[in-house]
C-alpha cells in the first residue's frame, strides 16, 4: 500500500502576456501551488513542505515576467506548473504531480 501526500501553498503574483496573438495587460492572481508525492519515508511531509515554501518565496509578490526561469516565454499557468515541477525535482523529490491554479476554474498539472 502506498500513501499519496498533497500539500498546497498560496501565492500572489502579477503577469502579462506579450506574444503575437496572445496579449493581455499586466494583472495579478491569487495563485495556488499543489504538489503530490508518494510517501516512502516518515519525514516526507517536512521535505515537501520545505521545498514548496522555498519555491513560493521566489515567486510571491513578484512580476512573473521578470523571473529568469520563465525567460523567453509567456508566464502561463502551464509554464508555472512545469517550472515548479522541475524546481521541486531539483530539491530531490520524486513527484506524482504538480498543479498550479490561476483561478478557481483554471489550472494546469505537470507529471512525468
PDB file of N, CA and C in Angstrom:
ATOM      1  N   UNK A   1       0.850  -1.174   0.000  1.00  0.00           N
ATOM      2  CA  UNK A   1       0.000   0.000   0.000  1.00  0.00           C
ATOM      3  C   UNK A   1       0.893   1.234   0.000  1.00  0.00           C
ATOM      4  N   UNK A   2       0.476   2.231  -0.747  1.00  0.00           N
ATOM      5  CA  UNK A   2       1.220   3.489  -0.749  1.00  0.00           C
ATOM      6  C   UNK A   2       0.313   4.621  -0.304  1.00  0.00           C
ATOM      7  N   UNK A   3       0.936   5.654   0.213  1.00  0.00           N
ATOM      8  CA  UNK A   3       0.213   6.831   0.667  1.00  0.00           C
ATOM      9  C   UNK A   3       0.650   8.009  -0.181  1.00  0.00           C
ATOM     10  N   UNK A   4      -0.312   8.721  -0.741  1.00  0.00           N
ATOM     11  CA  UNK A   4      -0.016   9.912  -1.525  1.00  0.00           C
ATOM     12  C   UNK A   4      -0.302  11.128  -0.659  1.00  0.00           C
ATOM     13  N   UNK A   5       0.667  12.009  -0.555  1.00  0.00           N
ATOM     14  CA  UNK A   5       0.533  13.224   0.243  1.00  0.00           C
ATOM     15  C   UNK A   5       0.483  14.422  -0.689  1.00  0.00           C
ATOM     16  N   UNK A   6      -0.501  15.286  -0.490  1.00  0.00           N
ATOM     17  CA  UNK A   6      -0.636  16.509  -1.264  1.00  0.00           C
ATOM     18  C   UNK A   6      -0.604  17.698  -0.324  1.00  0.00           C
ATOM     19  N   UNK A   7       0.257  18.657  -0.622  1.00  0.00           N
ATOM     20  CA  UNK A   7       0.328  19.905   0.132  1.00  0.00           C
ATOM     21  C   UNK A   7       0.079  21.062  -0.814  1.00  0.00           C
ATOM     22  N   UNK A   8      -0.518  22.128  -0.285  1.00  0.00           N
ATOM     23  CA  UNK A   8      -0.812  23.323  -1.084  1.00  0.00           C
ATOM     24  C   UNK A   8      -0.187  24.546  -0.441  1.00  0.00           C
ATOM     25  N   UNK A   9       0.162  25.497  -1.302  1.00  0.00           N
ATOM     26  CA  UNK A   9       0.674  26.780  -0.845  1.00  0.00           C
ATOM     27  C   UNK A   9       0.098  27.881  -1.722  1.00  0.00           C
ATOM     28  N   UNK A  10      -0.490  28.909  -1.116  1.00  0.00           N
ATOM     29  CA  UNK A  10      -0.962  30.056  -1.897  1.00  0.00           C
ATOM     30  C   UNK A  10       0.177  31.023  -2.168  1.00  0.00           C
ATOM     31  N   UNK A  11       0.057  31.780  -3.249  1.00  0.00           N
ATOM     32  CA  UNK A  11       0.991  32.878  -3.512  1.00  0.00           C
ATOM     33  C   UNK A  11       0.283  33.906  -4.377  1.00  0.00           C
ATOM     34  N   UNK A  12       0.812  35.103  -4.370  1.00  0.00           N
ATOM     35  CA  UNK A  12       0.255  36.218  -5.131  1.00  0.00           C
ATOM     36  C   UNK A  12       1.322  36.682  -6.104  1.00  0.00           C
ATOM     37  N   UNK A  13       0.939  36.851  -7.365  1.00  0.00           N
ATOM     38  CA  UNK A  13       1.910  37.323  -8.357  1.00  0.00           C
ATOM     39  C   UNK A  13       1.180  37.949  -9.535  1.00  0.00           C
ATOM     40  N   UNK A  14       1.871  38.903 -10.172  1.00  0.00           N
ATOM     41  CA  UNK A  14       1.380  39.554 -11.383  1.00  0.00           C
ATOM     42  C   UNK A  14       2.032  38.909 -12.598  1.00  0.00           C
ATOM     43  N   UNK A  15       1.374  39.064 -13.739  1.00  0.00           N
ATOM     44  CA  UNK A  15       1.976  38.681 -15.016  1.00  0.00           C
ATOM     45  C   UNK A  15       1.232  39.400 -16.136  1.00  0.00           C
ATOM     46  N   UNK A  16       1.834  39.356 -17.307  1.00  0.00           N
ATOM     47  CA  UNK A  16       1.164  39.849 -18.508  1.00  0.00           C
ATOM     48  C   UNK A  16       1.594  38.958 -19.660  1.00  0.00           C
ATOM     49  N   UNK A  17       0.821  38.977 -20.716  1.00  0.00           N
ATOM     50  CA  UNK A  17       1.132  38.176 -21.900  1.00  0.00           C
ATOM     51  C   UNK A  17       1.449  39.129 -23.040  1.00  0.00           C
ATOM     52  N   UNK A  18       2.568  38.872 -23.712  1.00  0.00           N
ATOM     53  CA  UNK A  18       3.028  39.784 -24.756  1.00  0.00           C
ATOM     54  C   UNK A  18       3.661  39.018 -25.912  1.00  0.00           C
ATOM     55  N   UNK A  19       2.932  38.073 -26.458  1.00  0.00           N
ATOM     56  CA  UNK A  19       3.382  37.366 -27.647  1.00  0.00           C
ATOM     57  C   UNK A  19       2.356  37.588 -28.751  1.00  0.00           C
ATOM     58  N   UNK A  20       2.754  37.471 -29.999  1.00  0.00           N
ATOM     59  CA  UNK A  20       1.768  37.633 -31.078  1.00  0.00           C
ATOM     60  C   UNK A  20       0.565  36.716 -30.853  1.00  0.00           C
ATOM     61  N   UNK A  21      -0.602  37.241 -31.048  1.00  0.00           N
ATOM     62  CA  UNK A  21      -1.870  36.524 -30.882  1.00  0.00           C
ATOM     63  C   UNK A  21      -2.190  36.139 -29.447  1.00  0.00           C
ATOM     64  N   UNK A  22      -1.407  36.609 -28.493  1.00  0.00           N
ATOM     65  CA  UNK A  22      -1.697  36.325 -27.080  1.00  0.00           C
ATOM     66  C   UNK A  22      -1.186  37.485 -26.251  1.00  0.00           C
ATOM     67  N   UNK A  23      -1.986  38.523 -26.142  1.00  0.00           N
ATOM     68  CA  UNK A  23      -1.603  39.731 -25.413  1.00  0.00           C
ATOM     69  C   UNK A  23      -2.638  40.039 -24.350  1.00  0.00           C
ATOM     70  N   UNK A  24      -2.166  40.352 -23.162  1.00  0.00           N
ATOM     71  CA  UNK A  24      -3.005  40.811 -22.055  1.00  0.00           C
ATOM     72  C   UNK A  24      -2.201  41.805 -21.244  1.00  0.00           C
ATOM     73  N   UNK A  25      -2.876  42.779 -20.705  1.00  0.00           N
ATOM     74  CA  UNK A  25      -2.217  43.763 -19.842  1.00  0.00           C
ATOM     75  C   UNK A  25      -1.799  43.100 -18.522  1.00  0.00           C
ATOM     76  N   UNK A  26      -0.910  43.777 -17.823  1.00  0.00           N
ATOM     77  CA  UNK A  26      -0.455  43.278 -16.522  1.00  0.00           C
ATOM     78  C   UNK A  26      -1.646  43.154 -15.572  1.00  0.00           C
ATOM     79  N   UNK A  27      -1.700  42.032 -14.904  1.00  0.00           N
ATOM     80  CA  UNK A  27      -2.754  41.769 -13.930  1.00  0.00           C
ATOM     81  C   UNK A  27      -2.234  40.731 -12.938  1.00  0.00           C
ATOM     82  N   UNK A  28      -2.909  40.586 -11.831  1.00  0.00           N
ATOM     83  CA  UNK A  28      -2.451  39.669 -10.803  1.00  0.00           C
ATOM     84  C   UNK A  28      -3.479  38.606 -10.466  1.00  0.00           C
ATOM     85  N   UNK A  29      -2.992  37.593  -9.768  1.00  0.00           N
ATOM     86  CA  UNK A  29      -3.846  36.489  -9.325  1.00  0.00           C
ATOM     87  C   UNK A  29      -3.449  36.071  -7.916  1.00  0.00           C
ATOM     88  N   UNK A  30      -4.382  35.469  -7.234  1.00  0.00           N
ATOM     89  CA  UNK A  30      -4.091  34.727  -6.015  1.00  0.00           C
ATOM     90  C   UNK A  30      -3.965  33.271  -6.461  1.00  0.00           C
ATOM     91  N   UNK A  31      -2.727  32.844  -6.689  1.00  0.00           N
ATOM     92  CA  UNK A  31      -2.432  31.535  -7.237  1.00  0.00           C
ATOM     93  C   UNK A  31      -2.412  30.490  -6.125  1.00  0.00           C
ATOM     94  N   UNK A  32      -2.342  29.224  -6.545  1.00  0.00           N
ATOM     95  CA  UNK A  32      -2.155  28.142  -5.588  1.00  0.00           C
ATOM     96  C   UNK A  32      -1.255  27.081  -6.216  1.00  0.00           C
ATOM     97  N   UNK A  33      -0.238  26.693  -5.471  1.00  0.00           N
ATOM     98  CA  UNK A  33       0.666  25.612  -5.866  1.00  0.00           C
ATOM     99  C   UNK A  33       0.283  24.377  -5.067  1.00  0.00           C
ATOM    100  N   UNK A  34       0.183  23.249  -5.743  1.00  0.00           N
ATOM    101  CA  UNK A  34      -0.161  21.988  -5.089  1.00  0.00           C
ATOM    102  C   UNK A  34       0.780  20.920  -5.620  1.00  0.00           C
ATOM    103  N   UNK A  35       1.381  20.152  -4.724  1.00  0.00           N
ATOM    104  CA  UNK A  35       2.285  19.079  -5.145  1.00  0.00           C
ATOM    105  C   UNK A  35       1.918  17.795  -4.417  1.00  0.00           C
ATOM    106  N   UNK A  36       2.017  16.684  -5.143  1.00  0.00           N
ATOM    107  CA  UNK A  36       1.694  15.373  -4.590  1.00  0.00           C
ATOM    108  C   UNK A  36       2.900  14.455  -4.724  1.00  0.00           C
ATOM    109  N   UNK A  37       3.221  13.773  -3.623  1.00  0.00           N
ATOM    110  CA  UNK A  37       4.287  12.778  -3.617  1.00  0.00           C
ATOM    111  C   UNK A  37       3.741  11.481  -3.034  1.00  0.00           C
ATOM    112  N   UNK A  38       4.426  10.386  -3.327  1.00  0.00           N
ATOM    113  CA  UNK A  38       4.135   9.118  -2.674  1.00  0.00           C
ATOM    114  C   UNK A  38       5.092   9.002  -1.502  1.00  0.00           C
ATOM    115  N   UNK A  39       4.531   8.859  -0.311  1.00  0.00           N
ATOM    116  CA  UNK A  39       5.366   8.793   0.887  1.00  0.00           C
ATOM    117  C   UNK A  39       6.093   7.462   0.963  1.00  0.00           C
ATOM    118  N   UNK A  40       7.401   7.561   1.083  1.00  0.00           N
ATOM    119  CA  UNK A  40       8.231   6.378   1.242  1.00  0.00           C
ATOM    120  C   UNK A  40       9.072   6.468   2.504  1.00  0.00           C
ATOM    121  N   UNK A  41       9.016   7.639   3.154  1.00  0.00           N
ATOM    122  CA  UNK A  41       9.781   7.833   4.384  1.00  0.00           C
ATOM    123  C   UNK A  41       8.962   8.712   5.321  1.00  0.00           C
ATOM    124  N   UNK A  42       9.148   8.549   6.616  1.00  0.00           N
ATOM    125  CA  UNK A  42       8.312   9.290   7.570  1.00  0.00           C
ATOM    126  C   UNK A  42       8.478  10.798   7.510  1.00  0.00           C
ATOM    127  N   UNK A  43       9.607  11.288   7.067  1.00  0.00           N
ATOM    128  CA  UNK A  43       9.823  12.741   7.031  1.00  0.00           C
ATOM    129  C   UNK A  43       9.472  13.342   5.670  1.00  0.00           C
ATOM    130  N   UNK A  44       8.775  12.611   4.841  1.00  0.00           N
ATOM    131  CA  UNK A  44       8.417  13.094   3.510  1.00  0.00           C
ATOM    132  C   UNK A  44       7.619  14.380   3.539  1.00  0.00           C
ATOM    133  N   UNK A  45       6.724  14.512   4.513  1.00  0.00           N
ATOM    134  CA  UNK A  45       5.905  15.724   4.582  1.00  0.00           C
ATOM    135  C   UNK A  45       6.764  16.952   4.838  1.00  0.00           C
ATOM    136  N   UNK A  46       7.720  16.866   5.746  1.00  0.00           N
ATOM    137  CA  UNK A  46       8.549  18.036   6.045  1.00  0.00           C
ATOM    138  C   UNK A  46       9.449  18.399   4.872  1.00  0.00           C
ATOM    139  N   UNK A  47       9.922  17.414   4.139  1.00  0.00           N
ATOM    140  CA  UNK A  47      10.760  17.685   2.968  1.00  0.00           C
ATOM    141  C   UNK A  47       9.936  18.387   1.887  1.00  0.00           C
ATOM    142  N   UNK A  48       8.725  17.900   1.639  1.00  0.00           N
ATOM    143  CA  UNK A  48       7.858  18.528   0.649  1.00  0.00           C
ATOM    144  C   UNK A  48       7.478  19.942   1.083  1.00  0.00           C
ATOM    145  N   UNK A  49       7.127  20.109   2.340  1.00  0.00           N
ATOM    146  CA  UNK A  49       6.736  21.434   2.843  1.00  0.00           C
ATOM    147  C   UNK A  49       7.880  22.432   2.684  1.00  0.00           C
ATOM    148  N   UNK A  50       9.074  22.043   3.016  1.00  0.00           N
ATOM    149  CA  UNK A  50      10.238  22.927   2.900  1.00  0.00           C
ATOM    150  C   UNK A  50      10.480  23.324   1.441  1.00  0.00           C
ATOM    151  N   UNK A  51      10.371  22.374   0.526  1.00  0.00           N
ATOM    152  CA  UNK A  51      10.595  22.659  -0.893  1.00  0.00           C
ATOM    153  C   UNK A  51       9.510  23.580  -1.447  1.00  0.00           C
ATOM    154  N   UNK A  52       8.249  23.334  -1.087  1.00  0.00           N
ATOM    155  CA  UNK A  52       7.163  24.207  -1.538  1.00  0.00           C
ATOM    156  C   UNK A  52       7.364  25.626  -1.027  1.00  0.00           C
ATOM    157  N   UNK A  53       7.701  25.755   0.233  1.00  0.00           N
ATOM    158  CA  UNK A  53       7.926  27.080   0.815  1.00  0.00           C
ATOM    159  C   UNK A  53       9.061  27.813   0.102  1.00  0.00           C
ATOM    160  N   UNK A  54      10.087  27.092  -0.270  1.00  0.00           N
ATOM    161  CA  UNK A  54      11.229  27.689  -0.963  1.00  0.00           C
ATOM    162  C   UNK A  54      10.810  28.236  -2.330  1.00  0.00           C
ATOM    163  N   UNK A  55      10.030  27.462  -3.100  1.00  0.00           N
ATOM    164  CA  UNK A  55       9.581  27.931  -4.414  1.00  0.00           C
ATOM    165  C   UNK A  55       8.666  29.140  -4.274  1.00  0.00           C
ATOM    166  N   UNK A  56       7.748  29.090  -3.320  1.00  0.00           N
ATOM    167  CA  UNK A  56       6.817  30.199  -3.127  1.00  0.00           C
ATOM    168  C   UNK A  56       7.559  31.478  -2.750  1.00  0.00           C
ATOM    169  N   UNK A  57       8.603  31.371  -1.948  1.00  0.00           N
ATOM    170  CA  UNK A  57       9.397  32.569  -1.595  1.00  0.00           C
ATOM    171  C   UNK A  57       9.975  33.237  -2.837  1.00  0.00           C
ATOM    172  N   UNK A  58      10.306  32.454  -3.857  1.00  0.00           N
ATOM    173  CA  UNK A  58      10.868  33.009  -5.100  1.00  0.00           C
ATOM    174  C   UNK A  58       9.837  33.759  -5.937  1.00  0.00           C
ATOM    175  N   UNK A  59       8.561  33.393  -5.834  1.00  0.00           N
ATOM    176  CA  UNK A  59       7.560  33.967  -6.732  1.00  0.00           C
ATOM    177  C   UNK A  59       6.554  34.883  -6.054  1.00  0.00           C
ATOM    178  N   UNK A  60       6.391  34.764  -4.749  1.00  0.00           N
ATOM    179  CA  UNK A  60       5.354  35.515  -4.047  1.00  0.00           C
ATOM    180  C   UNK A  60       5.584  37.018  -4.181  1.00  0.00           C
ATOM    181  N   UNK A  61       4.554  37.729  -4.601  1.00  0.00           N
ATOM    182  CA  UNK A  61       4.558  39.184  -4.771  1.00  0.00           C
ATOM    183  C   UNK A  61       5.618  39.652  -5.758  1.00  0.00           C
ATOM    184  N   UNK A  62       5.752  38.915  -6.862  1.00  0.00           N
ATOM    185  CA  UNK A  62       6.682  39.301  -7.926  1.00  0.00           C
ATOM    186  C   UNK A  62       5.916  39.461  -9.236  1.00  0.00           C
ATOM    187  N   UNK A  63       6.604  40.033 -10.210  1.00  0.00           N
ATOM    188  CA  UNK A  63       6.122  40.056 -11.588  1.00  0.00           C
ATOM    189  C   UNK A  63       6.729  38.831 -12.270  1.00  0.00           C
ATOM    190  N   UNK A  64       5.918  37.881 -12.617  1.00  0.00           N
ATOM    191  CA  UNK A  64       6.403  36.610 -13.148  1.00  0.00           C
ATOM    192  C   UNK A  64       7.197  36.779 -14.435  1.00  0.00           C
ATOM    193  N   UNK A  65       6.881  37.786 -15.221  1.00  0.00           N
ATOM    194  CA  UNK A  65       7.621  38.039 -16.462  1.00  0.00           C
ATOM    195  C   UNK A  65       9.091  38.325 -16.217  1.00  0.00           C
ATOM    196  N   UNK A  66       9.448  38.715 -15.013  1.00  0.00           N
ATOM    197  CA  UNK A  66      10.835  39.028 -14.679  1.00  0.00           C
ATOM    198  C   UNK A  66      11.577  37.841 -14.063  1.00  0.00           C
ATOM    199  N   UNK A  67      10.939  36.710 -13.948  1.00  0.00           N
ATOM    200  CA  UNK A  67      11.582  35.526 -13.376  1.00  0.00           C
ATOM    201  C   UNK A  67      12.518  34.891 -14.408  1.00  0.00           C
ATOM    202  N   UNK A  68      13.799  34.716 -14.060  1.00  0.00           N
ATOM    203  CA  UNK A  68      14.742  34.105 -15.007  1.00  0.00           C
ATOM    204  C   UNK A  68      14.293  32.734 -15.519  1.00  0.00           C
ATOM    205  N   UNK A  69      13.624  31.955 -14.682  1.00  0.00           N
ATOM    206  CA  UNK A  69      13.190  30.615 -15.094  1.00  0.00           C
ATOM    207  C   UNK A  69      12.125  30.661 -16.188  1.00  0.00           C
ATOM    208  N   UNK A  70      11.487  31.810 -16.359  1.00  0.00           N
ATOM    209  CA  UNK A  70      10.435  31.945 -17.374  1.00  0.00           C
ATOM    210  C   UNK A  70      10.874  32.822 -18.548  1.00  0.00           C
ATOM    211  N   UNK A  71      12.151  33.111 -18.626  1.00  0.00           N
ATOM    212  CA  UNK A  71      12.665  33.979 -19.685  1.00  0.00           C
ATOM    213  C   UNK A  71      12.314  33.421 -21.063  1.00  0.00           C
ATOM    214  N   UNK A  72      11.804  34.304 -21.918  1.00  0.00           N
ATOM    215  CA  UNK A  72      11.508  33.920 -23.294  1.00  0.00           C
ATOM    216  C   UNK A  72      10.158  33.265 -23.509  1.00  0.00           C
ATOM    217  N   UNK A  73       9.344  33.186 -22.464  1.00  0.00           N
ATOM    218  CA  UNK A  73       8.020  32.590 -22.657  1.00  0.00           C
ATOM    219  C   UNK A  73       6.974  33.391 -21.892  1.00  0.00           C
ATOM    220  N   UNK A  74       5.751  33.279 -22.333  1.00  0.00           N
ATOM    221  CA  UNK A  74       4.656  33.875 -21.584  1.00  0.00           C
ATOM    222  C   UNK A  74       4.507  33.120 -20.266  1.00  0.00           C
ATOM    223  N   UNK A  75       4.342  33.820 -19.157  1.00  0.00           N
ATOM    224  CA  UNK A  75       4.207  33.150 -17.863  1.00  0.00           C
ATOM    225  C   UNK A  75       2.785  32.624 -17.655  1.00  0.00           C
ATOM    226  N   UNK A  76       2.474  31.577 -18.373  1.00  0.00           N
ATOM    227  CA  UNK A  76       1.164  30.956 -18.285  1.00  0.00           C
ATOM    228  C   UNK A  76       1.110  30.005 -17.088  1.00  0.00           C
ATOM    229  N   UNK A  77      -0.074  29.561 -16.778  1.00  0.00           N
ATOM    230  CA  UNK A  77      -0.245  28.570 -15.717  1.00  0.00           C
ATOM    231  C   UNK A  77       0.527  27.297 -16.058  1.00  0.00           C
ATOM    232  N   UNK A  78       0.509  26.919 -17.318  1.00  0.00           N
ATOM    233  CA  UNK A  78       1.228  25.724 -17.758  1.00  0.00           C
ATOM    234  C   UNK A  78       2.733  25.875 -17.536  1.00  0.00           C
ATOM    235  N   UNK A  79       3.273  27.045 -17.870  1.00  0.00           N
ATOM    236  CA  UNK A  79       4.702  27.289 -17.674  1.00  0.00           C
ATOM    237  C   UNK A  79       5.062  27.269 -16.196  1.00  0.00           C
ATOM    238  N   UNK A  80       4.207  27.835 -15.359  1.00  0.00           N
ATOM    239  CA  UNK A  80       4.453  27.819 -13.912  1.00  0.00           C
ATOM    240  C   UNK A  80       4.440  26.397 -13.363  1.00  0.00           C
ATOM    241  N   UNK A  81       3.502  25.569 -13.818  1.00  0.00           N
ATOM    242  CA  UNK A  81       3.440  24.191 -13.337  1.00  0.00           C
ATOM    243  C   UNK A  81       4.705  23.417 -13.702  1.00  0.00           C
ATOM    244  N   UNK A  82       5.195  23.604 -14.914  1.00  0.00           N
ATOM    245  CA  UNK A  82       6.438  22.936 -15.331  1.00  0.00           C
ATOM    246  C   UNK A  82       7.635  23.447 -14.546  1.00  0.00           C
ATOM    247  N   UNK A  83       7.730  24.758 -14.348  1.00  0.00           N
ATOM    248  CA  UNK A  83       8.823  25.341 -13.579  1.00  0.00           C
ATOM    249  C   UNK A  83       8.804  24.794 -12.153  1.00  0.00           C
ATOM    250  N   UNK A  84       7.641  24.813 -11.514  1.00  0.00           N
ATOM    251  CA  UNK A  84       7.550  24.330 -10.135  1.00  0.00           C
ATOM    252  C   UNK A  84       7.906  22.847 -10.054  1.00  0.00           C
ATOM    253  N   UNK A  85       7.441  22.058 -11.020  1.00  0.00           N
ATOM    254  CA  UNK A  85       7.769  20.629 -11.044  1.00  0.00           C
ATOM    255  C   UNK A  85       9.276  20.426 -11.098  1.00  0.00           C
ATOM    256  N   UNK A  86       9.940  21.105 -12.027  1.00  0.00           N
ATOM    257  CA  UNK A  86      11.392  20.962 -12.169  1.00  0.00           C
ATOM    258  C   UNK A  86      12.122  21.455 -10.923  1.00  0.00           C
ATOM    259  N   UNK A  87      11.676  22.559 -10.357  1.00  0.00           N
ATOM    260  CA  UNK A  87      12.284  23.097  -9.138  1.00  0.00           C
ATOM    261  C   UNK A  87      12.189  22.083  -8.005  1.00  0.00           C
ATOM    262  N   UNK A  88      11.015  21.513  -7.812  1.00  0.00           N
ATOM    263  CA  UNK A  88      10.818  20.561  -6.717  1.00  0.00           C
ATOM    264  C   UNK A  88      11.608  19.277  -6.954  1.00  0.00           C
ATOM    265  N   UNK A  89      11.691  18.831  -8.188  1.00  0.00           N
ATOM    266  CA  UNK A  89      12.536  17.667  -8.504  1.00  0.00           C
ATOM    267  C   UNK A  89      13.993  17.960  -8.182  1.00  0.00           C
ATOM    268  N   UNK A  90      14.442  19.168  -8.475  1.00  0.00           N
ATOM    269  CA  UNK A  90      15.823  19.551  -8.173  1.00  0.00           C
ATOM    270  C   UNK A  90      16.098  19.561  -6.672  1.00  0.00           C
ATOM    271  N   UNK A  91      15.037  19.615  -5.872  1.00  0.00           N
ATOM    272  CA  UNK A  91      15.182  19.553  -4.415  1.00  0.00           C
ATOM    273  C   UNK A  91      15.242  18.104  -3.928  1.00  0.00           C
ATOM    274  N   UNK A  92      15.253  17.156  -4.846  1.00  0.00           N
ATOM    275  CA  UNK A  92      15.371  15.753  -4.502  1.00  0.00           C
ATOM    276  C   UNK A  92      14.059  15.018  -4.321  1.00  0.00           C
ATOM    277  N   UNK A  93      12.949  15.641  -4.696  1.00  0.00           N
ATOM    278  CA  UNK A  93      11.640  14.994  -4.545  1.00  0.00           C
ATOM    279  C   UNK A  93      11.291  14.165  -5.774  1.00  0.00           C
ATOM    280  N   UNK A  94      10.638  13.055  -5.546  1.00  0.00           N
ATOM    281  CA  UNK A  94      10.043  12.268  -6.621  1.00  0.00           C
ATOM    282  C   UNK A  94       8.555  12.562  -6.588  1.00  0.00           C
ATOM    283  N   UNK A  95       8.092  13.281  -7.581  1.00  0.00           N
ATOM    284  CA  UNK A  95       6.737  13.815  -7.579  1.00  0.00           C
ATOM    285  C   UNK A  95       5.761  12.952  -8.351  1.00  0.00           C
ATOM    286  N   UNK A  96       4.524  12.910  -7.866  1.00  0.00           N
ATOM    287  CA  UNK A  96       3.431  12.332  -8.635  1.00  0.00           C
ATOM    288  C   UNK A  96       2.916  13.386  -9.613  1.00  0.00           C
ATOM    289  N   UNK A  97       2.714  14.596  -9.091  1.00  0.00           N
ATOM    290  CA  UNK A  97       2.268  15.690  -9.943  1.00  0.00           C
ATOM    291  C   UNK A  97       2.400  17.017  -9.215  1.00  0.00           C
ATOM    292  N   UNK A  98       2.398  18.078 -10.017  1.00  0.00           N
ATOM    293  CA  UNK A  98       2.360  19.446  -9.512  1.00  0.00           C
ATOM    294  C   UNK A  98       1.235  20.163 -10.240  1.00  0.00           C
ATOM    295  N   UNK A  99       0.412  20.860  -9.480  1.00  0.00           N
ATOM    296  CA  UNK A  99      -0.705  21.614 -10.045  1.00  0.00           C
ATOM    297  C   UNK A  99      -0.546  23.073  -9.648  1.00  0.00           C
ATOM    298  N   UNK A 100      -0.743  23.965 -10.599  1.00  0.00           N
ATOM    299  CA  UNK A 100      -0.797  25.398 -10.316  1.00  0.00           C
ATOM    300  C   UNK A 100      -2.178  25.878 -10.730  1.00  0.00           C
ATOM    301  N   UNK A 101      -2.844  26.529  -9.792  1.00  0.00           N
ATOM    302  CA  UNK A 101      -4.188  27.052 -10.032  1.00  0.00           C
ATOM    303  C   UNK A 101      -4.102  28.568 -10.141  1.00  0.00           C
ATOM    304  N   UNK A 102      -4.588  29.084 -11.259  1.00  0.00           N
ATOM    305  CA  UNK A 102      -4.617  30.531 -11.507  1.00  0.00           C
ATOM    306  C   UNK A 102      -5.926  31.138 -11.020  1.00  0.00           C
ATOM    307  N   UNK A 103      -7.007  30.428 -11.231  1.00  0.00           N
ATOM    308  CA  UNK A 103      -8.345  30.830 -10.803  1.00  0.00           C
ATOM    309  C   UNK A 103      -9.063  29.561 -10.355  1.00  0.00           C
ATOM    310  N   UNK A 104     -10.228  29.736  -9.778  1.00  0.00           N
ATOM    311  CA  UNK A 104     -10.976  28.567  -9.292  1.00  0.00           C
ATOM    312  C   UNK A 104     -11.200  27.529 -10.387  1.00  0.00           C
ATOM    313  N   UNK A 105     -11.419  27.977 -11.611  1.00  0.00           N
ATOM    314  CA  UNK A 105     -11.737  27.038 -12.695  1.00  0.00           C
ATOM    315  C   UNK A 105     -10.641  26.962 -13.761  1.00  0.00           C
ATOM    316  N   UNK A 106      -9.412  27.367 -13.432  1.00  0.00           N
ATOM    317  CA  UNK A 106      -8.338  27.356 -14.428  1.00  0.00           C
ATOM    318  C   UNK A 106      -7.057  26.915 -13.755  1.00  0.00           C
ATOM    319  N   UNK A 107      -6.546  25.749 -14.171  1.00  0.00           N
ATOM    320  CA  UNK A 107      -5.329  25.200 -13.582  1.00  0.00           C
ATOM    321  C   UNK A 107      -4.619  24.315 -14.592  1.00  0.00           C
ATOM    322  N   UNK A 108      -3.352  24.027 -14.278  1.00  0.00           N
ATOM    323  CA  UNK A 108      -2.551  23.142 -15.115  1.00  0.00           C
ATOM    324  C   UNK A 108      -1.810  22.159 -14.211  1.00  0.00           C
ATOM    325  N   UNK A 109      -1.654  20.935 -14.697  1.00  0.00           N
ATOM    326  CA  UNK A 109      -0.956  19.876 -13.967  1.00  0.00           C
ATOM    327  C   UNK A 109       0.244  19.436 -14.782  1.00  0.00           C
ATOM    328  N   UNK A 110       1.352  19.218 -14.097  1.00  0.00           N
ATOM    329  CA  UNK A 110       2.558  18.698 -14.733  1.00  0.00           C
ATOM    330  C   UNK A 110       2.895  17.351 -14.072  1.00  0.00           C
ATOM    331  N   UNK A 111       3.121  16.341 -14.902  1.00  0.00           N
ATOM    332  CA  UNK A 111       3.511  14.997 -14.444  1.00  0.00           C
ATOM    333  C   UNK A 111       4.661  14.506 -15.304  1.00  0.00           C
ATOM    334  N   UNK A 112       5.425  13.588 -14.802  1.00  0.00           N
ATOM    335  CA  UNK A 112       6.481  12.939 -15.591  1.00  0.00           C
ATOM    336  C   UNK A 112       5.873  11.854 -16.419  1.00  0.00           C
TER     337      UNK A 112
END
